[in-house]
Amino acid sequence: MLKSVEGVYRDGKIELTDLPDDVRDDTRVIVTFLETNHIDLR
C-alpha cells in the first residue's frame, strides 16, 4: 500500500496535516523533503 499525507517537519518531528484512518501504528514510512517554497498538493 502506498499513501501520501502532507505534513511539516518542525523541531525534529513530522507533524501530519491529516491523520490517515486506515494505517496501523508501527507502519513503516518513507519521508521525502520538499523545497521550502509553497507547493499546493491539492
Protein backbone atom coordinates (compact mmCIF):
# COMPACT_ATOMS: atom_id res chain seq x y z
CA MET A 1 0.00 0.00 0.00
CA LEU A 2 1.24 3.50 -0.82
CA LYS A 3 -0.41 6.55 0.71
CA SER A 4 0.70 10.17 0.63
CA VAL A 5 -0.03 12.55 3.50
CA GLU A 6 1.06 16.19 3.74
CA GLY A 7 2.90 17.36 6.82
CA VAL A 8 5.51 19.74 8.23
CA TYR A 9 8.92 19.00 9.75
CA ARG A 10 9.27 21.01 12.97
CA ASP A 11 11.59 20.59 15.96
CA GLY A 12 12.83 17.21 14.73
CA LYS A 13 9.35 15.75 14.27
CA ILE A 14 6.93 15.31 11.38
CA GLU A 15 3.50 16.88 12.04
CA LEU A 16 0.89 15.45 9.69
CA THR A 17 -1.76 17.79 8.27
CA ASP A 18 -4.35 14.98 8.19
CA LEU A 19 -4.18 11.70 10.09
CA PRO A 20 -4.85 8.67 7.88
CA ASP A 21 -7.74 6.49 9.08
CA ASP A 22 -6.64 3.12 7.75
CA VAL A 23 -2.96 3.00 8.80
CA ARG A 24 -1.89 0.93 11.80
CA ASP A 25 0.64 2.01 14.43
CA ASP A 26 4.24 0.92 13.68
CA THR A 27 3.67 1.09 9.90
CA ARG A 28 6.94 1.84 8.12
CA VAL A 29 7.13 5.14 6.21
CA ILE A 30 9.34 6.92 3.68
CA VAL A 31 9.72 10.68 4.17
CA THR A 32 10.51 13.00 1.23
CA PHE A 33 11.51 16.59 1.99
CA LEU A 34 10.19 19.19 -0.49
CA GLU A 35 11.71 22.58 -1.22
CA THR A 36 10.69 25.31 1.22
CA ASN A 37 8.73 27.39 -1.31
CA HIS A 38 4.94 26.84 -1.22
CA ILE A 39 3.68 23.80 -3.14
CA ASP A 40 -0.09 23.28 -3.36
CA LEU A 41 -0.58 19.49 -3.28
CA ARG A 42 -4.32 19.68 -3.86
